[in-house]
Amino acid sequence: MTTSAAARSPASRSSVTRATAIGASAILMWSTLAPLATLAGRVPPFQLVATSFLLAFLVGCAWTAARGGNPLSYFRQSVPAWLLGVGGLFGFHFLYFMALRAAPPVEANLINYLWPLLIVLFSALLPGERLRSWHVGGAVAGLAGTVLLVLRGGSGGGEGAGWLGIDPAHLPGYAAALASALTWAGYSVLRRRLGQIGEAPTDALSAFCLVTALLSGLCHLGMEETVWPADALGWAALLLLGLGPVGAAFFVWDHGVRHGDIRALGALSYLAPLLSTLLLVACGLAPNQGIIWVACALIAGGSLLASKDLLTRR
């Protein structure tokens, strides 16, 4: 008999809470992506992704080997697991960068950040999960806060155009941004499903990271000019990207969505753009604006509301 997270035993709920906390650490890492990418200088996006995922592959292999496992054994996965793993990691980044090329960054980023809300909604389709009003309410509040954050700098569209104006020339970019959101939400929820049936463990992400690095490298060679950091700070930022937000973050996120409360993780994900903005302000890389604090209240409040299951005992 399957039960929801709220009805599990205290020991099981403790395990779910711990896994959710581990998954939430990915959100903290992702919040450093923008500052680190800024410090990395003019390194092109696909080059950045290829380098970072190659580092992630090496770190993942080292972690598996340190626990007595054979990293090469995790290359033996089913075709659906490969399609999901590579499709999720590479597909998300490819579609997102294509969206940024074909549409104004503000709108593309906003559409892309539908993925936390989609995770919350898609999770209702999983066995043993039940979507409640506070999950949806928290996710919508987080979305509203993200809208304020993304739109605080204006539309980024044509001169004199409001942010609701739609330029047909940007429709392919908007479609790519929506596809990237659907890709990451679908990947996260389906990884949960694989965890429920015991397939493609988290250690297998090392193999998916290697293929993602290779595919990103091919995109870089075909669409970008190679640029490396100009100073030691840039190289340090590039290394930290591979170790953190484009490295370990995907491993702890995988553990969280497979074993934690995926609905709470979806809503908590809205903290990533907020924390990233606050870090940029603290580092002097972005202006401090009052609208940030309104967004902070919406995102933090929505995250707490959606995490009600983890914060209360029945």
C-alpha atoms as a PDB file:
ATOM      1  CA  MET A   1       0.000   0.000   0.000  1.00  0.00           C
ATOM      2  CA  THR A   2       1.409   3.415  -0.924  1.00  0.00           C
ATOM      3  CA  THR A   3       1.079   6.435   1.294  1.00  0.00           C
ATOM      4  CA  SER A   4       1.895  10.087   0.948  1.00  0.00           C
ATOM      5  CA  ALA A   5       4.858  11.673   2.681  1.00  0.00           C
ATOM      6  CA  ALA A   6       2.557  13.198   5.292  1.00  0.00           C
ATOM      7  CA  ALA A   7       1.288   9.777   6.399  1.00  0.00           C
ATOM      8  CA  ARG A   8       4.601   7.978   6.739  1.00  0.00           C
ATOM      9  CA  SER A   9       6.064   6.787  10.025  1.00  0.00           C
ATOM     10  CA  PRO A  10       8.231   9.206  12.079  1.00  0.00           C
ATOM     11  CA  ALA A  11      11.401   7.359  11.028  1.00  0.00           C
ATOM     12  CA  SER A  12      10.387   7.474   7.392  1.00  0.00           C
ATOM     13  CA  ARG A  13       9.458  11.152   7.641  1.00  0.00           C
ATOM     14  CA  SER A  14      12.855  11.864   9.164  1.00  0.00           C
ATOM     15  CA  SER A  15      14.496  10.165   6.195  1.00  0.00           C
ATOM     16  CA  VAL A  16      12.339  12.185   3.775  1.00  0.00           C
ATOM     17  CA  THR A  17      13.198  15.429   5.581  1.00  0.00           C
ATOM     18  CA  ARG A  18      16.918  14.612   5.467  1.00  0.00           C
ATOM     19  CA  ALA A  19      16.774  13.789   1.761  1.00  0.00           C
ATOM     20  CA  THR A  20      14.819  16.989   1.098  1.00  0.00           C
ATOM     21  CA  ALA A  21      17.459  19.013   2.946  1.00  0.00           C
ATOM     22  CA  ILE A  22      20.188  17.370   0.850  1.00  0.00           C
ATOM     23  CA  GLY A  23      18.279  18.174  -2.329  1.00  0.00           C
ATOM     24  CA  ALA A  24      17.729  21.756  -1.160  1.00  0.00           C
ATOM     25  CA  SER A  25      21.502  22.231  -0.935  1.00  0.00           C
ATOM     26  CA  ALA A  26      21.470  22.147  -4.753  1.00  0.00           C
ATOM     27  CA  ILE A  27      19.315  25.276  -4.667  1.00  0.00           C
ATOM     28  CA  LEU A  28      21.971  27.012  -2.570  1.00  0.00           C
ATOM     29  CA  MET A  29      24.626  25.965  -5.073  1.00  0.00           C
ATOM     30  CA  TRP A  30      22.552  27.114  -8.055  1.00  0.00           C
ATOM     31  CA  SER A  31      22.213  30.526  -6.413  1.00  0.00           C
ATOM     32  CA  THR A  32      25.980  30.974  -6.897  1.00  0.00           C
ATOM     33  CA  LEU A  33      25.772  30.249 -10.637  1.00  0.00           C
ATOM     34  CA  ALA A  34      25.253  33.852 -11.782  1.00  0.00           C
ATOM     35  CA  PRO A  35      28.010  35.372  -9.582  1.00  0.00           C
ATOM     36  CA  LEU A  36      30.512  32.650 -10.514  1.00  0.00           C
ATOM     37  CA  ALA A  37      29.636  32.852 -14.217  1.00  0.00           C
ATOM     38  CA  THR A  38      30.115  36.625 -14.018  1.00  0.00           C
ATOM     39  CA  LEU A  39      33.517  36.199 -12.382  1.00  0.00           C
ATOM     40  CA  ALA A  40      34.488  33.589 -14.998  1.00  0.00           C
ATOM     41  CA  GLY A  41      34.462  36.421 -17.519  1.00  0.00           C
ATOM     42  CA  ARG A  42      33.548  36.023 -21.172  1.00  0.00           C
ATOM     43  CA  VAL A  43      33.681  32.216 -21.314  1.00  0.00           C
ATOM     44  CA  PRO A  44      30.851  31.211 -23.740  1.00  0.00           C
ATOM     45  CA  PRO A  45      27.857  29.286 -22.289  1.00  0.00           C
ATOM     46  CA  PHE A  46      28.392  25.917 -23.997  1.00  0.00           C
ATOM     47  CA  GLN A  47      32.121  26.014 -23.265  1.00  0.00           C
ATOM     48  CA  LEU A  48      31.236  26.732 -19.640  1.00  0.00           C
ATOM     49  CA  VAL A  49      28.790  23.824 -19.517  1.00  0.00           C
ATOM     50  CA  ALA A  50      31.218  21.417 -21.231  1.00  0.00           C
ATOM     51  CA  THR A  51      34.049  22.268 -18.836  1.00  0.00           C
ATOM     52  CA  SER A  52      31.828  22.172 -15.763  1.00  0.00           C
ATOM     53  CA  PHE A  53      30.199  18.832 -16.582  1.00  0.00           C
ATOM     54  CA  LEU A  54      33.587  17.305 -17.324  1.00  0.00           C
ATOM     55  CA  LEU A  55      34.663  18.338 -13.824  1.00  0.00           C
ATOM     56  CA  ALA A  56      31.375  16.968 -12.480  1.00  0.00           C
ATOM     57  CA  PHE A  57      32.113  13.631 -14.171  1.00  0.00           C
ATOM     58  CA  LEU A  58      35.551  13.456 -12.526  1.00  0.00           C
ATOM     59  CA  VAL A  59      34.184  14.416  -9.097  1.00  0.00           C
ATOM     60  CA  GLY A  60      31.361  11.876  -9.404  1.00  0.00           C
ATOM     61  CA  CYS A  61      33.773   9.105 -10.369  1.00  0.00           C
ATOM     62  CA  ALA A  62      36.061   9.973  -7.453  1.00  0.00           C
ATOM     63  CA  TRP A  63      33.102   9.880  -5.038  1.00  0.00           C
ATOM     64  CA  THR A  64      31.958   6.474  -6.322  1.00  0.00           C
ATOM     65  CA  ALA A  65      35.495   5.073  -6.149  1.00  0.00           C
ATOM     66  CA  ALA A  66      36.015   6.426  -2.620  1.00  0.00           C
ATOM     67  CA  ARG A  67      33.018   4.377  -1.476  1.00  0.00           C
ATOM     68  CA  GLY A  68      34.423   1.209  -3.032  1.00  0.00           C
ATOM     69  CA  GLY A  69      32.364   1.300  -6.231  1.00  0.00           C
ATOM     70  CA  ASN A  70      33.437   1.018  -9.849  1.00  0.00           C
ATOM     71  CA  PRO A  71      32.490   4.200 -11.759  1.00  0.00           C
ATOM     72  CA  LEU A  72      32.605   2.367 -15.095  1.00  0.00           C
ATOM     73  CA  SER A  73      29.928  -0.081 -13.959  1.00  0.00           C
ATOM     74  CA  TYR A  74      27.363   2.722 -13.907  1.00  0.00           C
ATOM     75  CA  PHE A  75      27.719   3.197 -17.644  1.00  0.00           C
ATOM     76  CA  ARG A  76      25.583   0.060 -17.994  1.00  0.00           C
ATOM     77  CA  GLN A  77      22.136   1.642 -17.863  1.00  0.00           C
ATOM     78  CA  SER A  78      18.953   0.985 -19.780  1.00  0.00           C
ATOM     79  CA  VAL A  79      18.173   3.003 -22.906  1.00  0.00           C
ATOM     80  CA  PRO A  80      15.304   4.897 -21.173  1.00  0.00           C
ATOM     81  CA  ALA A  81      17.643   5.815 -18.311  1.00  0.00           C
ATOM     82  CA  TRP A  82      20.235   7.143 -20.770  1.00  0.00           C
ATOM     83  CA  LEU A  83      17.635   9.103 -22.694  1.00  0.00           C
ATOM     84  CA  LEU A  84      16.279  10.632 -19.501  1.00  0.00           C
ATOM     85  CA  GLY A  85      19.680  11.377 -17.966  1.00  0.00           C
ATOM     86  CA  VAL A  86      21.319  12.935 -21.000  1.00  0.00           C
ATOM     87  CA  GLY A  87      18.070  14.447 -22.247  1.00  0.00           C
ATOM     88  CA  GLY A  88      17.509  16.138 -18.905  1.00  0.00           C
ATOM     89  CA  LEU A  89      21.019  17.458 -18.279  1.00  0.00           C
ATOM     90  CA  PHE A  90      22.013  18.366 -21.825  1.00  0.00           C
ATOM     91  CA  GLY A  91      18.533  19.044 -23.182  1.00  0.00           C
ATOM     92  CA  PHE A  92      17.743  21.590 -20.501  1.00  0.00           C
ATOM     93  CA  HIS A  93      20.951  23.572 -21.026  1.00  0.00           C
ATOM     94  CA  PHE A  94      20.739  23.394 -24.822  1.00  0.00           C
ATOM     95  CA  LEU A  95      17.145  24.659 -24.922  1.00  0.00           C
ATOM     96  CA  TYR A  96      17.813  27.360 -22.338  1.00  0.00           C
ATOM     97  CA  PHE A  97      20.792  28.793 -24.207  1.00  0.00           C
ATOM     98  CA  MET A  98      18.887  28.625 -27.492  1.00  0.00           C
ATOM     99  CA  ALA A  99      16.094  30.582 -25.807  1.00  0.00           C
ATOM    100  CA  LEU A 100      18.539  33.260 -24.692  1.00  0.00           C
ATOM    101  CA  ARG A 101      19.823  33.529 -28.275  1.00  0.00           C
ATOM    102  CA  ALA A 102      16.370  33.849 -29.845  1.00  0.00           C
ATOM    103  CA  ALA A 103      14.409  35.922 -27.296  1.00  0.00           C
ATOM    104  CA  PRO A 104      15.043  38.785 -24.846  1.00  0.00           C
ATOM    105  CA  PRO A 105      16.835  37.369 -21.766  1.00  0.00           C
ATOM    106  CA  VAL A 106      14.268  38.760 -19.308  1.00  0.00           C
ATOM    107  CA  GLU A 107      11.290  37.023 -20.890  1.00  0.00           C
ATOM    108  CA  ALA A 108      13.243  33.838 -21.643  1.00  0.00           C
ATOM    109  CA  ASN A 109      14.435  33.604 -18.061  1.00  0.00           C
ATOM    110  CA  LEU A 110      10.936  34.183 -16.723  1.00  0.00           C
ATOM    111  CA  ILE A 111       9.408  31.448 -18.895  1.00  0.00           C
ATOM    112  CA  ASN A 112      12.233  29.079 -17.983  1.00  0.00           C
ATOM    113  CA  TYR A 113      11.494  29.608 -14.287  1.00  0.00           C
ATOM    114  CA  LEU A 114       8.145  27.915 -14.707  1.00  0.00           C
ATOM    115  CA  TRP A 115       9.979  24.650 -13.966  1.00  0.00           C
ATOM    116  CA  PRO A 116       9.581  24.795 -10.151  1.00  0.00           C
ATOM    117  CA  LEU A 117       5.819  25.246 -10.532  1.00  0.00           C
ATOM    118  CA  LEU A 118       5.707  22.445 -13.123  1.00  0.00           C
ATOM    119  CA  ILE A 119       7.566  20.109 -10.748  1.00  0.00           C
ATOM    120  CA  VAL A 120       4.962  20.764  -8.055  1.00  0.00           C
ATOM    121  CA  LEU A 121       2.113  20.095 -10.505  1.00  0.00           C
ATOM    122  CA  PHE A 122       3.717  17.066 -12.211  1.00  0.00           C
ATOM    123  CA  SER A 123       4.462  15.445  -8.845  1.00  0.00           C
ATOM    124  CA  ALA A 124       0.742  14.798  -8.420  1.00  0.00           C
ATOM    125  CA  LEU A 125       1.055  12.182 -11.181  1.00  0.00           C
ATOM    126  CA  LEU A 126       3.516  10.080  -9.153  1.00  0.00           C
ATOM    127  CA  PRO A 127       2.347   7.003  -7.207  1.00  0.00           C
ATOM    128  CA  GLY A 128       1.887   7.742  -3.516  1.00  0.00           C
ATOM    129  CA  GLU A 129       1.986  11.531  -3.948  1.00  0.00           C
ATOM    130  CA  ARG A 130      -0.898  13.911  -3.397  1.00  0.00           C
ATOM    131  CA  LEU A 131      -1.010  17.549  -4.406  1.00  0.00           C
ATOM    132  CA  ARG A 132      -2.620  19.855  -1.836  1.00  0.00           C
ATOM    133  CA  SER A 133      -3.728  23.462  -1.951  1.00  0.00           C
ATOM    134  CA  TRP A 134      -0.719  24.756   0.008  1.00  0.00           C
ATOM    135  CA  HIS A 135       1.689  23.162  -2.459  1.00  0.00           C
ATOM    136  CA  VAL A 136       0.056  24.993  -5.367  1.00  0.00           C
ATOM    137  CA  GLY A 137      -0.340  28.215  -3.367  1.00  0.00           C
ATOM    138  CA  GLY A 138       3.300  28.210  -2.329  1.00  0.00           C
ATOM    139  CA  ALA A 139       4.493  27.525  -5.868  1.00  0.00           C
ATOM    140  CA  VAL A 140       2.328  30.320  -7.301  1.00  0.00           C
ATOM    141  CA  ALA A 141       3.611  32.775  -4.665  1.00  0.00           C
ATOM    142  CA  GLY A 142       7.165  31.793  -5.599  1.00  0.00           C
ATOM    143  CA  LEU A 143       6.361  32.331  -9.258  1.00  0.00           C
ATOM    144  CA  ALA A 144       4.992  35.809  -8.475  1.00  0.00           C
ATOM    145  CA  GLY A 145       8.180  36.682  -6.607  1.00  0.00           C
ATOM    146  CA  THR A 146      10.296  35.430  -9.497  1.00  0.00           C
ATOM    147  CA  VAL A 147       8.250  37.562 -11.924  1.00  0.00           C
ATOM    148  CA  LEU A 148       9.123  40.631  -9.846  1.00  0.00           C
ATOM    149  CA  LEU A 149      12.809  39.699  -9.771  1.00  0.00           C
ATOM    150  CA  VAL A 150      13.095  39.043 -13.485  1.00  0.00           C
ATOM    151  CA  LEU A 151      11.043  42.041 -14.558  1.00  0.00           C
ATOM    152  CA  ARG A 152      12.662  44.508 -12.149  1.00  0.00           C
ATOM    153  CA  GLY A 153      15.018  45.630 -14.922  1.00  0.00           C
ATOM    154  CA  GLY A 154      12.334  46.164 -17.558  1.00  0.00           C
ATOM    155  CA  SER A 155      11.261  44.191 -20.553  1.00  0.00           C
ATOM    156  CA  GLY A 156      14.374  43.935 -22.639  1.00  0.00           C
ATOM    157  CA  GLY A 157      12.111  43.989 -25.712  1.00  0.00           C
ATOM    158  CA  GLY A 158      11.776  46.649 -28.358  1.00  0.00           C
ATOM    159  CA  GLU A 159      11.833  50.333 -27.546  1.00  0.00           C
ATOM    160  CA  GLY A 160       8.509  51.490 -26.177  1.00  0.00           C
ATOM    161  CA  ALA A 161       7.109  47.964 -25.988  1.00  0.00           C
ATOM    162  CA  GLY A 162       5.540  46.739 -22.776  1.00  0.00           C
ATOM    163  CA  TRP A 163       6.735  43.477 -21.290  1.00  0.00           C
ATOM    164  CA  LEU A 164       3.438  41.827 -22.264  1.00  0.00           C
ATOM    165  CA  GLY A 165       3.992  42.713 -25.930  1.00  0.00           C
ATOM    166  CA  ILE A 166       4.835  39.645 -28.000  1.00  0.00           C
ATOM    167  CA  ASP A 167       7.154  40.001 -30.968  1.00  0.00           C
ATOM    168  CA  PRO A 168       6.515  37.121 -33.414  1.00  0.00           C
ATOM    169  CA  ALA A 169      10.250  37.054 -34.148  1.00  0.00           C
ATOM    170  CA  HIS A 170      10.827  35.956 -30.541  1.00  0.00           C
ATOM    171  CA  LEU A 171       8.311  33.100 -30.564  1.00  0.00           C
ATOM    172  CA  PRO A 172      10.978  30.411 -31.271  1.00  0.00           C
ATOM    173  CA  GLY A 173      12.925  31.679 -28.259  1.00  0.00           C
ATOM    174  CA  TYR A 174       9.827  31.633 -26.058  1.00  0.00           C
ATOM    175  CA  ALA A 175       9.059  28.098 -27.238  1.00  0.00           C
ATOM    176  CA  ALA A 176      12.618  26.995 -26.417  1.00  0.00           C
ATOM    177  CA  ALA A 177      12.356  28.551 -22.947  1.00  0.00           C
ATOM    178  CA  LEU A 178       9.082  26.744 -22.284  1.00  0.00           C
ATOM    179  CA  ALA A 179      10.616  23.509 -23.575  1.00  0.00           C
ATOM    180  CA  SER A 180      13.567  23.948 -21.214  1.00  0.00           C
ATOM    181  CA  ALA A 181      11.191  24.374 -18.258  1.00  0.00           C
ATOM    182  CA  LEU A 182       9.205  21.285 -19.281  1.00  0.00           C
ATOM    183  CA  THR A 183      12.442  19.329 -19.782  1.00  0.00           C
ATOM    184  CA  TRP A 184      13.829  20.019 -16.309  1.00  0.00           C
ATOM    185  CA  ALA A 185      10.494  19.490 -14.565  1.00  0.00           C
ATOM    186  CA  GLY A 186       9.897  16.244 -16.445  1.00  0.00           C
ATOM    187  CA  TYR A 187      13.460  15.077 -15.803  1.00  0.00           C
ATOM    188  CA  SER A 188      13.178  15.719 -12.049  1.00  0.00           C
ATOM    189  CA  VAL A 189       9.816  13.982 -11.686  1.00  0.00           C
ATOM    190  CA  LEU A 190      10.835  10.996 -13.821  1.00  0.00           C
ATOM    191  CA  ARG A 191      14.075  10.610 -11.865  1.00  0.00           C
ATOM    192  CA  ARG A 192      11.825  10.309  -8.823  1.00  0.00           C
ATOM    193  CA  ARG A 193       9.922   7.557 -10.589  1.00  0.00           C
ATOM    194  CA  LEU A 194      13.148   5.699 -11.427  1.00  0.00           C
ATOM    195  CA  GLY A 195      14.097   5.951  -7.749  1.00  0.00           C
ATOM    196  CA  GLN A 196      10.786   4.359  -6.791  1.00  0.00           C
ATOM    197  CA  ILE A 197      11.488   1.339  -8.992  1.00  0.00           C
ATOM    198  CA  GLY A 198      15.208   1.165  -8.131  1.00  0.00           C
ATOM    199  CA  GLU A 199      16.702   2.066 -11.530  1.00  0.00           C
ATOM    200  CA  ALA A 200      19.611   4.339 -12.527  1.00  0.00           C
ATOM    201  CA  PRO A 201      21.028   5.291  -9.095  1.00  0.00           C
ATOM    202  CA  THR A 202      22.555   8.685  -8.413  1.00  0.00           C
ATOM    203  CA  ASP A 203      26.062   7.321  -9.122  1.00  0.00           C
ATOM    204  CA  ALA A 204      24.972   6.878 -12.748  1.00  0.00           C
ATOM    205  CA  LEU A 205      24.863  10.669 -13.115  1.00  0.00           C
ATOM    206  CA  SER A 206      28.642  10.606 -13.654  1.00  0.00           C
ATOM    207  CA  ALA A 207      28.099   8.805 -16.961  1.00  0.00           C
ATOM    208  CA  PHE A 208      25.335  11.224 -17.949  1.00  0.00           C
ATOM    209  CA  CYS A 209      27.594  14.174 -17.055  1.00  0.00           C
ATOM    210  CA  LEU A 210      30.351  12.892 -19.350  1.00  0.00           C
ATOM    211  CA  VAL A 211      28.011  12.590 -22.346  1.00  0.00           C
ATOM    212  CA  THR A 212      26.538  16.008 -21.536  1.00  0.00           C
ATOM    213  CA  ALA A 213      30.059  17.477 -21.498  1.00  0.00           C
ATOM    214  CA  LEU A 214      30.843  15.922 -24.895  1.00  0.00           C
ATOM    215  CA  LEU A 215      27.612  17.145 -26.499  1.00  0.00           C
ATOM    216  CA  SER A 216      28.085  20.630 -25.030  1.00  0.00           C
ATOM    217  CA  GLY A 217      31.641  20.630 -26.379  1.00  0.00           C
ATOM    218  CA  LEU A 218      30.344  19.866 -29.866  1.00  0.00           C
ATOM    219  CA  CYS A 219      27.819  22.718 -29.579  1.00  0.00           C
ATOM    220  CA  HIS A 220      30.620  25.003 -28.455  1.00  0.00           C
ATOM    221  CA  LEU A 221      32.828  24.092 -31.413  1.00  0.00           C
ATOM    222  CA  GLY A 222      29.953  24.620 -33.834  1.00  0.00           C
ATOM    223  CA  MET A 223      28.471  27.846 -32.445  1.00  0.00           C
ATOM    224  CA  GLU A 224      31.027  29.632 -30.244  1.00  0.00           C
ATOM    225  CA  GLU A 225      34.547  30.965 -30.162  1.00  0.00           C
ATOM    226  CA  THR A 226      36.774  29.529 -27.437  1.00  0.00           C
ATOM    227  CA  VAL A 227      37.558  32.016 -24.670  1.00  0.00           C
ATOM    228  CA  TRP A 228      39.330  31.110 -21.423  1.00  0.00           C
ATOM    229  CA  PRO A 229      39.415  33.176 -18.199  1.00  0.00           C
ATOM    230  CA  ALA A 230      41.928  36.018 -18.266  1.00  0.00           C
ATOM    231  CA  ASP A 231      43.069  35.825 -14.632  1.00  0.00           C
ATOM    232  CA  ALA A 232      43.366  33.572 -11.595  1.00  0.00           C
ATOM    233  CA  LEU A 233      39.993  34.724 -10.215  1.00  0.00           C
ATOM    234  CA  GLY A 234      38.307  33.670 -13.462  1.00  0.00           C
ATOM    235  CA  TRP A 235      39.950  30.240 -13.368  1.00  0.00           C
ATOM    236  CA  ALA A 236      38.924  29.805  -9.721  1.00  0.00           C
ATOM    237  CA  ALA A 237      35.333  30.702 -10.615  1.00  0.00           C
ATOM    238  CA  LEU A 238      35.386  28.182 -13.476  1.00  0.00           C
ATOM    239  CA  LEU A 239      36.659  25.470 -11.130  1.00  0.00           C
ATOM    240  CA  LEU A 240      34.033  26.291  -8.500  1.00  0.00           C
ATOM    241  CA  LEU A 241      31.309  26.132 -11.159  1.00  0.00           C
ATOM    242  CA  GLY A 242      32.306  22.565 -12.000  1.00  0.00           C
ATOM    243  CA  LEU A 243      32.487  21.584  -8.342  1.00  0.00           C
ATOM    244  CA  GLY A 244      29.270  23.298  -7.239  1.00  0.00           C
ATOM    245  CA  PRO A 245      26.326  24.642  -9.270  1.00  0.00           C
ATOM    246  CA  VAL A 246      27.174  22.698 -12.451  1.00  0.00           C
ATOM    247  CA  GLY A 247      28.640  19.731 -10.604  1.00  0.00           C
ATOM    248  CA  ALA A 248      27.741  18.464  -7.154  1.00  0.00           C
ATOM    249  CA  ALA A 249      24.401  20.287  -7.310  1.00  0.00           C
ATOM    250  CA  PHE A 250      23.013  17.763  -9.797  1.00  0.00           C
ATOM    251  CA  PHE A 251      24.018  14.828  -7.602  1.00  0.00           C
ATOM    252  CA  VAL A 252      22.421  16.169  -4.408  1.00  0.00           C
ATOM    253  CA  TRP A 253      19.352  17.320  -6.379  1.00  0.00           C
ATOM    254  CA  ASP A 254      19.004  13.805  -7.736  1.00  0.00           C
ATOM    255  CA  HIS A 255      19.133  12.359  -4.218  1.00  0.00           C
ATOM    256  CA  GLY A 256      16.532  14.862  -3.080  1.00  0.00           C
ATOM    257  CA  VAL A 257      13.999  14.283  -5.867  1.00  0.00           C
ATOM    258  CA  ARG A 258      14.383  10.513  -5.564  1.00  0.00           C
ATOM    259  CA  HIS A 259      14.052  10.235  -1.788  1.00  0.00           C
ATOM    260  CA  GLY A 260      12.761  13.574  -0.449  1.00  0.00           C
ATOM    261  CA  ASP A 261       9.587  15.647  -0.761  1.00  0.00           C
ATOM    262  CA  ILE A 262       9.615  16.596  -4.444  1.00  0.00           C
ATOM    263  CA  ARG A 263       6.742  19.068  -4.048  1.00  0.00           C
ATOM    264  CA  ALA A 264       8.589  21.013  -1.377  1.00  0.00           C
ATOM    265  CA  LEU A 265      11.777  20.938  -3.465  1.00  0.00           C
ATOM    266  CA  GLY A 266       9.878  22.338  -6.428  1.00  0.00           C
ATOM    267  CA  ALA A 267       8.607  25.289  -4.407  1.00  0.00           C
ATOM    268  CA  LEU A 268      11.925  25.824  -2.617  1.00  0.00           C
ATOM    269  CA  SER A 269      13.605  26.089  -6.025  1.00  0.00           C
ATOM    270  CA  TYR A 270      12.230  29.612  -6.332  1.00  0.00           C
ATOM    271  CA  LEU A 271      14.805  30.582  -3.713  1.00  0.00           C
ATOM    272  CA  ALA A 272      17.560  30.119  -6.330  1.00  0.00           C
ATOM    273  CA  PRO A 273      16.891  33.311  -8.341  1.00  0.00           C
ATOM    274  CA  LEU A 274      16.275  35.255  -5.141  1.00  0.00           C
ATOM    275  CA  LEU A 275      19.514  34.144  -3.460  1.00  0.00           C
ATOM    276  CA  SER A 276      21.388  34.651  -6.722  1.00  0.00           C
ATOM    277  CA  THR A 277      20.112  38.228  -6.954  1.00  0.00           C
ATOM    278  CA  LEU A 278      21.029  38.917  -3.339  1.00  0.00           C
ATOM    279  CA  LEU A 279      24.530  37.548  -3.935  1.00  0.00           C
ATOM    280  CA  LEU A 280      24.948  39.745  -7.004  1.00  0.00           C
ATOM    281  CA  VAL A 281      23.866  42.774  -4.958  1.00  0.00           C
ATOM    282  CA  ALA A 282      26.176  41.852  -2.073  1.00  0.00           C
ATOM    283  CA  CYS A 283      29.122  41.466  -4.477  1.00  0.00           C
ATOM    284  CA  GLY A 284      28.384  44.796  -6.129  1.00  0.00           C
ATOM    285  CA  LEU A 285      27.480  43.106  -9.435  1.00  0.00           C
ATOM    286  CA  ALA A 286      23.845  44.309  -9.443  1.00  0.00           C
ATOM    287  CA  PRO A 287      21.973  47.350  -8.064  1.00  0.00           C
ATOM    288  CA  ASN A 288      20.051  47.135  -4.800  1.00  0.00           C
ATOM    289  CA  GLN A 289      16.366  47.800  -5.489  1.00  0.00           C
ATOM    290  CA  GLY A 290      13.371  47.825  -3.139  1.00  0.00           C
ATOM    291  CA  ILE A 291      11.427  45.411  -5.334  1.00  0.00           C
ATOM    292  CA  ILE A 292      13.913  42.703  -4.329  1.00  0.00           C
ATOM    293  CA  TRP A 293      12.581  42.702  -0.777  1.00  0.00           C
ATOM    294  CA  VAL A 294       8.973  42.373  -1.949  1.00  0.00           C
ATOM    295  CA  ALA A 295      10.046  39.411  -4.065  1.00  0.00           C
ATOM    296  CA  CYS A 296      11.910  38.049  -1.045  1.00  0.00           C
ATOM    297  CA  ALA A 297       8.733  38.042   1.044  1.00  0.00           C
ATOM    298  CA  LEU A 298       6.726  36.312  -1.696  1.00  0.00           C
ATOM    299  CA  ILE A 299       9.333  33.648  -2.424  1.00  0.00           C
ATOM    300  CA  ALA A 300      10.239  32.922   1.187  1.00  0.00           C
ATOM    301  CA  GLY A 301       6.574  32.862   2.237  1.00  0.00           C
ATOM    302  CA  GLY A 302       5.619  30.632  -0.667  1.00  0.00           C
ATOM    303  CA  SER A 303       8.466  28.235   0.074  1.00  0.00           C
ATOM    304  CA  LEU A 304       7.428  27.966   3.722  1.00  0.00           C
ATOM    305  CA  LEU A 305       3.803  27.396   2.739  1.00  0.00           C
ATOM    306  CA  ALA A 306       4.655  24.657   0.255  1.00  0.00           C
ATOM    307  CA  SER A 307       6.946  23.007   2.821  1.00  0.00           C
ATOM    308  CA  LYS A 308       4.183  22.792   5.414  1.00  0.00           C
ATOM    309  CA  ASP A 309       4.378  18.993   5.438  1.00  0.00           C
ATOM    310  CA  LEU A 310       8.012  19.102   6.539  1.00  0.00           C
ATOM    311  CA  LEU A 311       7.522  21.811   9.153  1.00  0.00           C
ATOM    312  CA  THR A 312       4.569  20.287  11.023  1.00  0.00           C
ATOM    313  CA  ARG A 313       3.882  16.945  12.667  1.00  0.00           C
ATOM    314  CA  ARG A 314       0.508  15.274  12.579  1.00  0.00           C
END
